[in-house]
Amino acid sequence: MLGQFENVGAFIRNCSAKTLRYDQACLELITDEPITFWSQYEECENCMLLETAKLSKTGNIILETISPLHYAIKSGNGEICNGTYKFEEYGQYSINVTKVVKDECLPRMTAEPDAAYLPILTAVVVLLSMATLWYIVKGIGKRVVAGRLYARYFAREDNELGSETRVLTTEGSVPRAPPRSRLRSLDIFRGFSIALMIFVNSGGGGYRVFAHSVWNGISVADVVFPWFAFTMGESLVLSLNARLRTSLPRMTALRQVIYRSLALSLIGICLGSVNVSWGDVRLPGVLQRLAAMYLIVGALECAFMRTSQNIVPGRSLVRDLAAGWQQWLATCLLVAVQVCITLTVAAPGCPRGYSGPGGLHRTALGDFSLQNCTAGIAGYIDRLILGPTHLYQRGTFRSVYHTVEPHDPEGLLGILSGVLVVQAGAHAMRIMLAYNHARARIMRWVFWSVVFGTAGGALCSFSKNGGVLPINKNLWSLSYCLVTAGMAFFVQATLYFLVDLKTKWGGRPLYYAGQNALLLYVGSELLKRHFPLYWQLAAPSHTQLLTAHAAAMLIWLAVGVALHRKRIFITL
């Protein structure tokens, strides 16, 4: 019994002769009569309690620690007690059912849990120490030991702030405009996004904060994709502006946009078809979503981008809006269509405006007939057009809400709202092109960061599950797109200030990764289940998982450095 473990600390990791794994705790129920334990995680919004275990005598049960747990203990005479408690990883707890007072049964800790997030702090300290040591050694070597070697390998990128990055592309013969000051911070932003994406896709150390939200809400993993889409919008405008200013026909530019979109979609579908039959190939995906949004925003830019505008310093406060109001008008129309469909069109057998996970989820009226309503009309459209077998078949929400219908977070309807994020990135670059003063650029990026963030927060009532449009990555809700775009504006402003303006940080190795982001992503997806990028661990802990997943990310960053030194830049 767990009573014998009193005050022994966090080294006891067994529960009824079973070894606890990470994100699990052990609960002992002391009873002298048959009882049933009913529970449900707080993460499962408005879900009823489910029978978890039956005990005829004192015994132990293993609980997950993903969120606070609602529970009730019942006997043959009805409910004995209930409560809500946040069990911690590897913790040992006990409830004496025979001594329940006032229908409340809070557990008593019999062995302390582990400090689950201590490995993250340790990893941050180690990485910062390694970075500091590297800059110290590099500084000494630059001045004393290896000045010539340093100049050979690093001088070129140090001076790239005022030149264009040369890439291996099929457009080498296209005339280019005179070199414009390149946003080094843009490559760093893109490199940071791809590095974080690789870490998250590897497993994120098994931490919930590095995993996608179950349904509503936002986590670190949820901001990676829209941030990458934001940088794609920036790159699109920067590239098109340079080519259209050289009198490249707009139809030619549009054909190039279409070619890139098709190529990106094909790569994404090929990634989704690895080791599966055609009947089970996932048609939506990250690259497919990027391709669709790139096509829409690229077509708008090819149609409306102004190449003869006066971009010398001036006093206009709305020059950035004047340069892109037509693109924004079209984007707002697409977003309005997505919102109207979401709120007014009901999926068959489902309430109008419902956009929940279905399964065990219930509305405020207590309706339990939502089993087949996963994602509302958005999910129904995907299942109708693409087919259930061609959608994403996993997702944490399926195990939490016990849903039976598949839902793909990169579905069709979310493309319309996702265009907003890419258009926000395009607008960030229009600000860069329209204003030559750093202060004007930073002030406008911060201003739009506040506007987007406030608007998104208002739509979700600054809460997880509230508001007209809750913040939801699975559906790419409008509030989610606004909040993540607002965050991206702020990150771009910060990086621009530190890297391009003050030159306080060179951004290595993220800068290198940003120059070959597509190659690193495709490679990481193809090889993420192979050694040394993947380690098979029998009973892993957060420390072991964090080490393995961080190592995979660092290996791909090293690949980015190697490609840069070989002057290999692969793009579409």
Protein backbone atom coordinates (compact mmCIF):
# COMPACT_ATOMS: atom_id res chain seq x y z
CA MET A 1 0.00 0.00 0.00
CA LEU A 2 1.07 3.55 -0.57
CA GLY A 3 0.94 4.30 3.13
CA GLN A 4 4.37 2.73 3.47
CA PHE A 5 5.77 5.31 1.03
CA GLU A 6 5.10 8.26 3.33
CA ASN A 7 7.78 10.97 2.94
CA VAL A 8 10.04 8.85 0.75
CA GLY A 9 10.27 11.56 -1.91
CA ALA A 10 9.95 11.32 -5.69
CA PHE A 11 11.92 8.13 -6.25
CA ILE A 12 8.92 5.78 -6.02
CA ARG A 13 7.61 5.37 -9.55
CA ASN A 14 5.52 2.20 -9.23
CA CYS A 15 1.77 1.76 -8.96
CA SER A 16 0.42 -1.72 -8.24
CA ALA A 17 3.62 -3.29 -9.58
CA LYS A 18 3.32 -1.17 -12.74
CA THR A 19 5.99 1.40 -13.57
CA LEU A 20 4.66 4.91 -14.04
CA ARG A 21 5.67 6.70 -17.20
CA TYR A 22 5.95 10.45 -17.69
CA ASP A 23 2.69 12.40 -17.25
CA GLN A 24 1.26 9.76 -14.93
CA ALA A 25 0.46 9.65 -11.22
CA CYS A 26 -0.73 6.95 -8.83
CA LEU A 27 -3.84 7.24 -6.68
CA GLU A 28 -4.63 4.82 -3.83
CA LEU A 29 -8.29 4.45 -2.84
CA ILE A 30 -8.75 3.09 0.68
CA THR A 31 -12.15 1.47 1.00
CA ASP A 32 -13.97 -1.35 2.85
CA GLU A 33 -16.75 -1.73 0.26
CA PRO A 34 -16.98 -2.05 -3.55
CA ILE A 35 -16.68 1.36 -5.25
CA THR A 36 -16.38 2.85 -8.73
CA PHE A 37 -14.17 5.77 -9.69
CA TRP A 38 -15.58 8.22 -12.27
CA SER A 39 -13.42 10.92 -13.83
CA GLN A 40 -12.97 13.36 -16.66
CA TYR A 41 -10.20 15.82 -17.51
CA GLU A 42 -10.91 19.52 -17.26
CA GLU A 43 -9.47 19.78 -20.78
CA CYS A 44 -12.59 17.97 -21.98
CA GLU A 45 -14.95 20.94 -21.98
CA ASN A 46 -18.48 20.23 -20.65
CA CYS A 47 -17.90 16.47 -20.79
CA MET A 48 -19.66 14.05 -18.49
CA LEU A 49 -17.70 11.85 -16.07
CA LEU A 50 -16.82 8.37 -17.29
CA GLU A 51 -16.31 5.26 -15.22
CA THR A 52 -12.55 4.83 -14.88
CA ALA A 53 -12.11 1.93 -12.45
CA LYS A 54 -13.94 -0.54 -10.25
CA LEU A 55 -12.50 -1.60 -6.90
CA SER A 56 -13.85 -4.23 -4.55
CA LYS A 57 -11.25 -3.36 -1.91
CA THR A 58 -8.39 -0.96 -1.32
CA GLY A 59 -6.34 -0.57 -4.49
CA ASN A 60 -4.44 1.75 -6.83
CA ILE A 61 -5.27 3.37 -10.16
CA ILE A 62 -3.02 5.17 -12.65
CA LEU A 63 -4.08 8.66 -13.75
CA GLU A 64 -2.85 10.92 -16.54
CA THR A 65 -1.67 14.37 -15.52
CA ILE A 66 -2.47 16.31 -18.71
CA SER A 67 -4.90 18.67 -16.91
CA PRO A 68 -6.85 19.00 -13.64
CA LEU A 69 -9.14 16.02 -13.09
CA HIS A 70 -12.83 16.12 -12.17
CA TYR A 71 -13.76 12.94 -10.33
CA ALA A 72 -16.44 11.25 -8.25
CA ILE A 73 -16.40 8.11 -6.10
CA LYS A 74 -19.59 6.05 -6.02
CA SER A 75 -20.81 2.99 -4.15
CA GLY A 76 -23.93 0.89 -4.44
CA ASN A 77 -25.79 3.53 -2.45
CA GLY A 78 -24.90 6.40 -4.77
CA GLU A 79 -22.18 9.07 -4.91
CA ILE A 80 -19.90 9.18 -1.89
CA CYS A 81 -17.91 12.29 -2.77
CA ASN A 82 -16.42 14.28 -5.64
CA GLY A 83 -13.70 16.82 -6.29
CA THR A 84 -11.23 18.41 -8.70
CA TYR A 85 -7.48 18.06 -8.34
CA LYS A 86 -4.34 18.58 -10.44
CA PHE A 87 -2.26 15.44 -10.09
CA GLU A 88 1.44 15.88 -10.83
CA GLU A 89 3.89 13.68 -12.69
CA TYR A 90 5.11 10.62 -10.73
CA GLY A 91 3.15 11.81 -7.71
CA GLN A 92 1.69 9.30 -5.22
CA TYR A 93 -1.69 10.17 -3.69
CA SER A 94 -4.22 8.58 -1.39
CA ILE A 95 -7.95 9.02 -0.65
CA ASN A 96 -9.48 7.31 2.36
CA VAL A 97 -13.06 6.78 1.22
CA THR A 98 -14.09 5.53 4.67
CA LYS A 99 -13.29 8.90 6.23
CA VAL A 100 -14.93 11.28 3.75
CA VAL A 101 -16.15 14.56 5.29
CA LYS A 102 -18.91 16.74 3.73
CA ASP A 103 -18.92 14.86 0.42
CA GLU A 104 -15.47 16.20 -0.43
CA CYS A 105 -12.55 13.87 -1.06
CA LEU A 106 -9.32 15.71 -1.71
CA PRO A 107 -6.31 13.39 -2.12
CA ARG A 108 -3.44 13.32 0.36
CA MET A 109 0.07 13.32 -1.12
CA THR A 110 2.10 10.34 0.05
CA ALA A 111 5.13 10.84 -2.18
CA GLU A 112 6.16 14.10 -3.82
CA PRO A 113 5.94 14.41 -7.62
CA ASP A 114 8.86 15.25 -9.86
CA ALA A 115 9.64 18.77 -11.02
CA ALA A 116 8.43 18.00 -14.53
CA TYR A 117 9.61 21.26 -16.12
CA LEU A 118 13.10 21.28 -14.57
CA PRO A 119 14.64 19.63 -17.68
CA ILE A 120 13.40 22.56 -19.82
CA LEU A 121 15.13 25.06 -17.53
CA THR A 122 18.27 22.93 -17.57
CA ALA A 123 18.23 22.74 -21.37
CA VAL A 124 17.82 26.51 -21.69
CA VAL A 125 20.75 27.12 -19.32
CA VAL A 126 22.95 24.60 -21.19
CA LEU A 127 22.14 26.10 -24.62
CA LEU A 128 22.73 29.65 -23.41
CA SER A 129 26.02 28.57 -21.82
CA MET A 130 27.12 26.87 -25.05
CA ALA A 131 26.19 29.97 -27.07
CA THR A 132 28.09 32.24 -24.68
CA LEU A 133 31.14 29.99 -24.75
CA TRP A 134 31.01 29.88 -28.56
CA TYR A 135 30.98 33.66 -28.88
CA ILE A 136 33.84 33.97 -26.37
CA VAL A 137 35.96 31.38 -28.21
CA LYS A 138 35.07 32.87 -31.58
CA GLY A 139 36.03 36.36 -30.38
CA ILE A 140 39.39 35.19 -29.08
CA GLY A 141 40.04 33.16 -32.23
CA LYS A 142 39.08 36.07 -34.45
CA ARG A 143 41.53 38.40 -32.81
CA VAL A 144 44.42 36.15 -31.86
CA VAL A 145 44.52 32.70 -33.42
CA ALA A 146 42.50 32.34 -36.61
CA GLY A 147 41.80 35.72 -38.11
CA ARG A 148 42.25 34.51 -41.65
CA LEU A 149 40.19 31.36 -41.09
CA TYR A 150 37.38 33.41 -39.59
CA ALA A 151 37.42 35.85 -42.52
CA ARG A 152 37.25 32.98 -44.96
CA TYR A 153 34.14 31.37 -43.46
CA PHE A 154 32.26 34.23 -41.83
CA ALA A 155 33.11 37.53 -43.49
CA ARG A 156 30.73 36.99 -46.38
CA GLU A 157 27.60 36.49 -44.28
CA ASP A 158 28.61 39.30 -41.93
CA ASN A 159 28.52 41.69 -44.88
CA GLU A 160 25.33 40.36 -46.45
CA LEU A 161 23.13 42.95 -44.81
CA GLY A 162 23.30 45.11 -47.88
CA SER A 163 23.22 42.44 -50.57
CA GLU A 164 20.89 39.82 -51.93
CA THR A 165 21.21 36.17 -50.99
CA ARG A 166 22.02 34.14 -54.09
CA VAL A 167 19.95 31.01 -54.38
CA LEU A 168 19.84 28.01 -56.68
CA THR A 169 16.62 28.61 -58.56
CA THR A 170 15.13 28.19 -61.99
CA GLU A 171 14.78 31.95 -62.30
CA GLY A 172 18.44 32.75 -62.57
CA SER A 173 17.90 34.39 -65.94
CA VAL A 174 15.18 36.77 -64.67
CA PRO A 175 16.46 40.35 -64.49
CA ARG A 176 16.61 41.65 -60.93
CA ALA A 177 16.27 45.10 -59.49
CA PRO A 178 19.26 46.81 -57.94
CA PRO A 179 20.09 45.24 -54.57
CA ARG A 180 17.91 46.44 -51.68
CA SER A 181 18.83 46.13 -48.02
CA ARG A 182 17.97 42.53 -47.15
CA LEU A 183 16.03 41.74 -44.00
CA ARG A 184 18.40 39.45 -42.16
CA SER A 185 15.81 39.29 -39.40
CA LEU A 186 13.39 37.69 -41.88
CA ASP A 187 15.72 34.73 -42.42
CA ILE A 188 16.23 34.46 -38.66
CA PHE A 189 12.46 34.55 -38.05
CA ARG A 190 11.94 31.84 -40.65
CA GLY A 191 14.82 29.80 -39.22
CA PHE A 192 13.41 30.07 -35.71
CA SER A 193 10.01 28.93 -36.95
CA ILE A 194 11.41 25.91 -38.78
CA ALA A 195 13.65 24.94 -35.84
CA LEU A 196 10.72 25.09 -33.44
CA MET A 197 8.57 23.19 -35.94
CA ILE A 198 11.14 20.38 -36.14
CA PHE A 199 11.35 20.21 -32.34
CA VAL A 200 7.56 20.10 -31.96
CA ASN A 201 7.11 17.50 -34.71
CA SER A 202 9.80 15.36 -33.10
CA GLY A 203 7.73 15.24 -29.91
CA GLY A 204 8.58 18.37 -27.97
CA GLY A 205 10.07 16.42 -25.09
CA GLY A 206 6.64 14.98 -24.28
CA TYR A 207 5.52 18.29 -22.76
CA ARG A 208 1.97 19.54 -23.20
CA VAL A 209 3.21 23.09 -23.75
CA PHE A 210 5.03 21.87 -26.87
CA ALA A 211 2.01 19.91 -28.12
CA HIS A 212 -0.98 21.26 -30.01
CA SER A 213 -4.01 22.28 -27.97
CA VAL A 214 -6.61 19.56 -27.55
CA TRP A 215 -9.26 21.79 -29.13
CA ASN A 216 -9.65 25.43 -28.10
CA GLY A 217 -6.71 27.37 -26.73
CA ILE A 218 -3.18 28.10 -27.88
CA SER A 219 0.21 26.61 -27.03
CA VAL A 220 3.78 27.09 -28.20
CA ALA A 221 3.24 24.45 -30.87
CA ASP A 222 0.19 26.30 -32.20
CA VAL A 223 2.09 29.46 -33.17
CA VAL A 224 4.76 27.78 -35.30
CA PHE A 225 2.72 27.21 -38.47
CA PRO A 226 1.15 30.70 -38.69
CA TRP A 227 4.51 32.32 -37.97
CA PHE A 228 6.04 30.41 -40.87
CA ALA A 229 3.09 31.46 -43.05
CA PHE A 230 3.69 35.07 -41.95
CA THR A 231 7.32 34.94 -43.11
CA MET A 232 6.15 33.39 -46.37
CA GLY A 233 3.98 36.48 -46.98
CA GLU A 234 6.97 38.72 -46.29
CA SER A 235 9.20 36.82 -48.71
CA LEU A 236 6.49 36.82 -51.36
CA VAL A 237 6.17 40.60 -51.44
CA LEU A 238 9.92 41.16 -51.25
CA SER A 239 10.50 38.80 -54.20
CA LEU A 240 7.60 40.00 -56.36
CA ASN A 241 8.43 43.64 -55.77
CA ALA A 242 11.98 43.12 -56.99
CA ARG A 243 10.87 41.24 -60.12
CA LEU A 244 7.91 43.44 -61.07
CA ARG A 245 10.07 46.55 -60.76
CA THR A 246 12.24 45.13 -63.55
CA SER A 247 9.20 45.18 -65.86
CA LEU A 248 8.55 41.45 -65.52
CA PRO A 249 5.05 40.87 -66.98
CA ARG A 250 2.43 40.28 -64.30
CA MET A 251 1.13 37.18 -66.07
CA THR A 252 4.63 35.72 -66.03
CA ALA A 253 4.86 36.42 -62.31
CA LEU A 254 1.44 34.79 -61.80
CA ARG A 255 2.56 31.67 -63.68
CA GLN A 256 5.59 31.45 -61.39
CA VAL A 257 3.31 31.73 -58.33
CA ILE A 258 1.08 28.95 -59.69
CA TYR A 259 4.11 26.77 -60.43
CA ARG A 260 5.44 27.18 -56.89
CA SER A 261 2.04 26.41 -55.39
CA LEU A 262 1.62 23.24 -57.42
CA ALA A 263 5.15 22.08 -56.63
CA LEU A 264 4.63 22.74 -52.91
CA SER A 265 1.34 20.84 -52.93
CA LEU A 266 2.90 17.89 -54.73
CA ILE A 267 5.73 17.70 -52.21
CA GLY A 268 3.21 17.79 -49.36
CA ILE A 269 1.08 15.00 -50.84
CA CYS A 270 4.19 12.89 -51.40
CA LEU A 271 5.15 13.36 -47.74
CA GLY A 272 1.67 12.24 -46.70
CA SER A 273 1.83 9.12 -48.87
CA VAL A 274 4.92 7.57 -47.29
CA ASN A 275 4.23 3.96 -46.23
CA VAL A 276 0.47 4.19 -46.88
CA SER A 277 -1.80 3.06 -49.70
CA TRP A 278 -3.45 5.61 -51.97
CA GLY A 279 -6.78 5.07 -50.26
CA ASP A 280 -5.29 6.33 -47.00
CA VAL A 281 -3.14 9.19 -48.31
CA ARG A 282 -3.69 12.39 -46.37
CA LEU A 283 -4.60 15.02 -48.95
CA PRO A 284 -4.53 18.13 -46.72
CA GLY A 285 -1.31 18.99 -44.93
CA VAL A 286 1.08 21.71 -43.86
CA LEU A 287 2.68 22.23 -47.26
CA GLN A 288 -0.66 21.96 -49.05
CA ARG A 289 -2.12 24.65 -46.79
CA LEU A 290 0.91 26.86 -47.38
CA ALA A 291 0.61 26.32 -51.13
CA ALA A 292 -3.07 27.31 -51.20
CA MET A 293 -2.53 30.45 -49.14
CA TYR A 294 0.56 31.35 -51.18
CA LEU A 295 -1.46 30.99 -54.39
CA ILE A 296 -4.25 33.28 -53.21
CA VAL A 297 -2.02 36.00 -51.76
CA GLY A 298 0.43 35.70 -54.66
CA ALA A 299 -2.37 36.15 -57.19
CA LEU A 300 -3.60 39.24 -55.34
CA GLU A 301 -0.11 40.71 -55.29
CA CYS A 302 0.42 40.00 -58.98
CA ALA A 303 -2.84 41.81 -59.73
CA PHE A 304 -2.61 44.81 -57.41
CA MET A 305 1.00 45.36 -56.32
CA ARG A 306 2.12 48.90 -57.14
CA THR A 307 5.57 49.07 -58.64
CA SER A 308 5.66 52.74 -59.62
CA GLN A 309 4.68 54.17 -56.23
CA ASN A 310 6.84 56.81 -54.62
CA ILE A 311 8.53 55.09 -51.70
CA VAL A 312 10.94 57.86 -50.68
CA PRO A 313 10.59 59.17 -47.12
CA GLY A 314 7.45 61.20 -46.58
CA ARG A 315 4.92 62.22 -43.97
CA SER A 316 2.05 59.97 -44.94
CA LEU A 317 0.71 57.94 -42.01
CA VAL A 318 -1.22 55.49 -44.17
CA ARG A 319 1.17 54.89 -47.05
CA ASP A 320 1.32 51.17 -46.18
CA LEU A 321 -2.47 50.91 -46.31
CA ALA A 322 -2.64 52.88 -49.54
CA ALA A 323 -0.20 50.44 -51.10
CA GLY A 324 -2.23 47.38 -50.15
CA TRP A 325 -5.88 48.32 -49.60
CA GLN A 326 -7.06 46.25 -52.57
CA GLN A 327 -5.29 43.15 -51.28
CA TRP A 328 -6.78 43.71 -47.84
CA LEU A 329 -10.26 44.18 -49.28
CA ALA A 330 -10.08 40.84 -51.08
CA THR A 331 -8.63 39.16 -47.98
CA CYS A 332 -11.38 40.53 -45.74
CA LEU A 333 -14.01 39.24 -48.19
CA LEU A 334 -12.49 35.73 -48.03
CA VAL A 335 -12.38 35.85 -44.23
CA ALA A 336 -15.98 37.08 -44.12
CA VAL A 337 -17.04 34.11 -46.24
CA GLN A 338 -15.29 31.73 -43.85
CA VAL A 339 -16.86 33.32 -40.77
CA CYS A 340 -20.35 33.41 -42.31
CA ILE A 341 -20.18 29.75 -43.31
CA THR A 342 -18.93 28.79 -39.85
CA LEU A 343 -21.63 30.69 -37.95
CA THR A 344 -24.66 30.30 -40.22
CA VAL A 345 -24.39 26.95 -42.03
CA ALA A 346 -25.20 23.84 -40.01
CA ALA A 347 -23.73 20.44 -40.74
CA PRO A 348 -26.39 17.73 -41.12
CA GLY A 349 -27.70 16.72 -37.70
CA CYS A 350 -25.69 19.42 -35.90
CA PRO A 351 -26.59 22.80 -34.38
CA ARG A 352 -26.03 25.91 -36.49
CA GLY A 353 -22.74 27.58 -35.65
CA TYR A 354 -21.38 24.57 -33.78
CA SER A 355 -17.60 24.28 -34.09
CA GLY A 356 -16.75 21.97 -31.22
CA PRO A 357 -14.96 18.61 -31.19
CA GLY A 358 -18.10 16.47 -31.03
CA GLY A 359 -17.89 13.18 -29.19
CA LEU A 360 -18.43 13.68 -25.47
CA HIS A 361 -18.65 17.43 -25.89
CA ARG A 362 -21.99 18.97 -25.01
CA THR A 363 -23.46 22.43 -25.44
CA ALA A 364 -24.64 24.70 -22.65
CA LEU A 365 -28.09 23.07 -22.99
CA GLY A 366 -26.62 19.68 -22.15
CA ASP A 367 -27.06 18.23 -25.64
CA PHE A 368 -25.18 14.92 -25.92
CA SER A 369 -26.13 14.23 -29.55
CA LEU A 370 -22.96 15.79 -31.00
CA GLN A 371 -20.99 12.59 -31.60
CA ASN A 372 -20.88 13.07 -35.39
CA CYS A 373 -20.52 16.87 -35.32
CA THR A 374 -16.74 17.10 -34.99
CA ALA A 375 -15.57 20.54 -36.25
CA GLY A 376 -19.10 21.45 -37.37
CA ILE A 377 -19.51 22.54 -40.98
CA ALA A 378 -15.73 22.73 -41.55
CA GLY A 379 -15.30 19.06 -40.72
CA TYR A 380 -18.37 18.09 -42.75
CA ILE A 381 -17.03 19.87 -45.86
CA ASP A 382 -13.68 18.07 -45.60
CA ARG A 383 -15.29 14.67 -45.12
CA LEU A 384 -17.70 15.31 -48.00
CA ILE A 385 -15.17 16.59 -50.55
CA LEU A 386 -11.93 14.84 -49.58
CA GLY A 387 -13.30 11.72 -47.93
CA PRO A 388 -12.80 10.54 -44.32
CA THR A 389 -9.87 8.27 -45.16
CA HIS A 390 -7.89 11.14 -46.71
CA LEU A 391 -7.96 13.25 -43.55
CA TYR A 392 -5.71 13.34 -40.49
CA GLN A 393 -6.60 10.28 -38.42
CA ARG A 394 -4.91 11.21 -35.15
CA GLY A 395 -5.16 14.18 -32.83
CA THR A 396 -5.30 14.48 -29.05
CA PHE A 397 -8.94 15.56 -29.17
CA ARG A 398 -9.96 12.10 -30.43
CA SER A 399 -8.77 10.35 -27.26
CA VAL A 400 -9.95 13.11 -24.92
CA TYR A 401 -13.42 13.60 -26.41
CA HIS A 402 -13.81 10.01 -27.70
CA THR A 403 -14.73 11.21 -31.17
CA VAL A 404 -15.31 8.83 -34.07
CA GLU A 405 -15.23 11.30 -36.98
CA PRO A 406 -11.80 12.32 -38.35
CA HIS A 407 -10.89 15.99 -38.60
CA ASP A 408 -7.95 17.57 -40.39
CA PRO A 409 -6.52 20.80 -38.88
CA GLU A 410 -5.35 21.76 -42.40
CA GLY A 411 -8.80 21.41 -43.96
CA LEU A 412 -10.37 23.39 -46.78
CA LEU A 413 -12.40 26.05 -44.96
CA GLY A 414 -9.45 27.13 -42.83
CA ILE A 415 -7.59 28.20 -45.97
CA LEU A 416 -9.82 31.28 -46.24
CA SER A 417 -9.04 32.51 -42.74
CA GLY A 418 -5.39 31.45 -43.04
CA VAL A 419 -4.97 33.87 -45.95
CA LEU A 420 -5.22 36.62 -43.32
CA VAL A 421 -1.94 35.48 -41.72
CA VAL A 422 -0.05 35.44 -45.03
CA GLN A 423 -1.55 38.80 -45.95
CA ALA A 424 -0.37 40.16 -42.60
CA GLY A 425 3.16 39.07 -43.48
CA ALA A 426 2.79 40.70 -46.89
CA HIS A 427 1.69 43.91 -45.17
CA ALA A 428 4.72 43.77 -42.88
CA MET A 429 6.94 43.77 -45.96
CA ARG A 430 4.91 46.57 -47.58
CA ILE A 431 5.72 48.63 -44.50
CA MET A 432 9.38 47.79 -45.02
CA LEU A 433 9.23 48.95 -48.64
CA ALA A 434 7.10 52.05 -48.08
CA TYR A 435 9.09 53.54 -45.20
CA ASN A 436 12.84 54.02 -45.19
CA HIS A 437 13.16 55.03 -41.55
CA ALA A 438 13.63 52.24 -38.99
CA ARG A 439 11.52 54.03 -36.40
CA ALA A 440 8.58 54.28 -38.78
CA ARG A 441 8.82 50.58 -39.61
CA ILE A 442 9.06 49.43 -35.98
CA MET A 443 6.25 51.71 -34.81
CA ARG A 444 3.92 50.39 -37.48
CA TRP A 445 4.79 46.75 -36.84
CA VAL A 446 4.10 47.25 -33.13
CA PHE A 447 0.90 49.16 -33.90
CA TRP A 448 -0.47 46.37 -36.07
CA SER A 449 0.63 43.84 -33.48
CA VAL A 450 -1.58 45.57 -30.91
CA VAL A 451 -4.48 45.95 -33.37
CA PHE A 452 -4.43 42.31 -34.46
CA GLY A 453 -3.91 40.96 -30.95
CA THR A 454 -6.67 43.08 -29.45
CA ALA A 455 -9.13 42.17 -32.21
CA GLY A 456 -8.39 38.48 -31.85
CA GLY A 457 -8.66 38.65 -28.08
CA ALA A 458 -12.01 40.44 -28.32
CA LEU A 459 -13.42 37.72 -30.58
CA CYS A 460 -12.57 35.03 -28.00
CA SER A 461 -13.34 37.29 -24.99
CA PHE A 462 -9.69 36.95 -23.95
CA SER A 463 -10.43 33.41 -22.76
CA LYS A 464 -9.85 29.86 -23.87
CA ASN A 465 -13.38 28.73 -24.63
CA GLY A 466 -15.36 31.98 -24.65
CA GLY A 467 -16.39 34.56 -27.18
CA VAL A 468 -18.08 34.43 -30.55
CA LEU A 469 -15.09 32.72 -32.17
CA PRO A 470 -12.92 30.84 -29.64
CA ILE A 471 -9.24 30.69 -30.42
CA ASN A 472 -8.77 27.37 -32.19
CA LYS A 473 -5.85 26.04 -34.23
CA ASN A 474 -7.78 22.96 -35.37
CA LEU A 475 -10.17 25.23 -37.28
CA TRP A 476 -7.87 28.20 -37.88
CA SER A 477 -10.56 30.42 -36.41
CA LEU A 478 -10.42 34.15 -37.10
CA SER A 479 -9.40 34.87 -33.50
CA TYR A 480 -6.52 32.39 -33.80
CA CYS A 481 -5.29 33.95 -37.05
CA LEU A 482 -5.47 37.47 -35.64
CA VAL A 483 -3.66 36.62 -32.41
CA THR A 484 -0.85 34.67 -34.08
CA ALA A 485 -0.41 37.34 -36.76
CA GLY A 486 -0.25 39.99 -34.05
CA MET A 487 2.45 38.00 -32.27
CA ALA A 488 4.36 37.65 -35.55
CA PHE A 489 4.29 41.42 -36.11
CA PHE A 490 5.84 41.92 -32.67
CA VAL A 491 8.50 39.24 -33.21
CA GLN A 492 9.43 40.80 -36.56
CA ALA A 493 9.73 44.24 -34.96
CA THR A 494 11.92 42.87 -32.16
CA LEU A 495 14.22 40.93 -34.46
CA TYR A 496 14.52 43.87 -36.84
CA PHE A 497 15.53 46.14 -33.95
CA LEU A 498 18.13 43.70 -32.58
CA VAL A 499 19.52 42.29 -35.83
CA ASP A 500 19.09 44.77 -38.68
CA LEU A 501 19.09 48.06 -36.81
CA LYS A 502 21.37 47.60 -33.79
CA THR A 503 23.29 44.58 -35.18
CA LYS A 504 23.48 43.13 -31.66
CA TRP A 505 22.97 39.55 -32.82
CA GLY A 506 23.83 37.71 -36.03
CA GLY A 507 21.13 35.10 -35.54
CA ARG A 508 23.35 32.06 -36.09
CA PRO A 509 22.52 29.23 -36.58
CA LEU A 510 18.86 30.21 -37.13
CA TYR A 511 19.91 32.50 -39.97
CA TYR A 512 21.37 29.54 -41.85
CA ALA A 513 18.29 27.37 -41.26
CA GLY A 514 16.05 30.13 -42.58
CA GLN A 515 17.81 30.07 -45.94
CA ASN A 516 16.96 26.39 -46.53
CA ALA A 517 13.76 26.11 -44.52
CA LEU A 518 11.87 23.97 -47.06
CA LEU A 519 14.68 21.45 -47.37
CA LEU A 520 15.05 21.14 -43.59
CA TYR A 521 11.31 20.65 -43.12
CA VAL A 522 10.98 17.99 -45.83
CA GLY A 523 14.08 16.20 -44.60
CA SER A 524 12.91 16.23 -40.99
CA GLU A 525 9.52 14.81 -41.96
CA LEU A 526 11.03 12.02 -44.04
CA LEU A 527 13.67 10.99 -41.50
CA LYS A 528 12.08 11.81 -38.15
CA ARG A 529 11.57 8.10 -37.37
CA HIS A 530 15.14 7.10 -38.19
CA PHE A 531 18.32 7.09 -36.11
CA PRO A 532 20.00 9.37 -35.07
CA LEU A 533 16.96 11.66 -35.35
CA TYR A 534 14.82 9.16 -33.46
CA TRP A 535 15.76 7.06 -30.44
CA GLN A 536 13.70 4.11 -29.26
CA LEU A 537 13.39 4.45 -25.48
CA ALA A 538 11.76 1.70 -23.43
CA ALA A 539 10.47 3.80 -20.52
CA PRO A 540 11.35 7.39 -21.38
CA SER A 541 11.29 10.34 -19.03
CA HIS A 542 10.88 13.99 -19.95
CA THR A 543 14.64 14.44 -19.62
CA GLN A 544 15.38 11.66 -22.10
CA LEU A 545 12.71 12.78 -24.55
CA LEU A 546 13.79 16.41 -24.36
CA THR A 547 17.40 15.39 -25.03
CA ALA A 548 16.42 13.24 -28.02
CA HIS A 549 14.09 15.78 -29.59
CA ALA A 550 16.42 18.73 -29.00
CA ALA A 551 19.26 16.70 -30.53
CA ALA A 552 17.16 16.09 -33.65
CA MET A 553 16.55 19.83 -33.97
CA LEU A 554 20.25 20.64 -33.48
CA ILE A 555 21.25 18.07 -36.10
CA TRP A 556 19.05 19.78 -38.69
CA LEU A 557 20.41 23.18 -37.68
CA ALA A 558 23.89 21.76 -38.29
CA VAL A 559 22.71 20.63 -41.73
CA GLY A 560 21.62 24.23 -42.38
CA VAL A 561 25.06 25.51 -41.39
CA ALA A 562 26.76 22.97 -43.66
CA LEU A 563 24.57 23.95 -46.61
CA HIS A 564 25.33 27.62 -46.03
CA ARG A 565 29.07 27.04 -45.97
CA LYS A 566 28.82 25.13 -49.22
CA ARG A 567 26.78 28.05 -50.63
CA ILE A 568 23.86 25.72 -51.38
CA PHE A 569 20.45 27.38 -51.20
CA ILE A 570 17.50 25.35 -52.43
CA THR A 571 14.18 27.03 -53.09
CA LEU A 572 11.20 26.73 -55.39
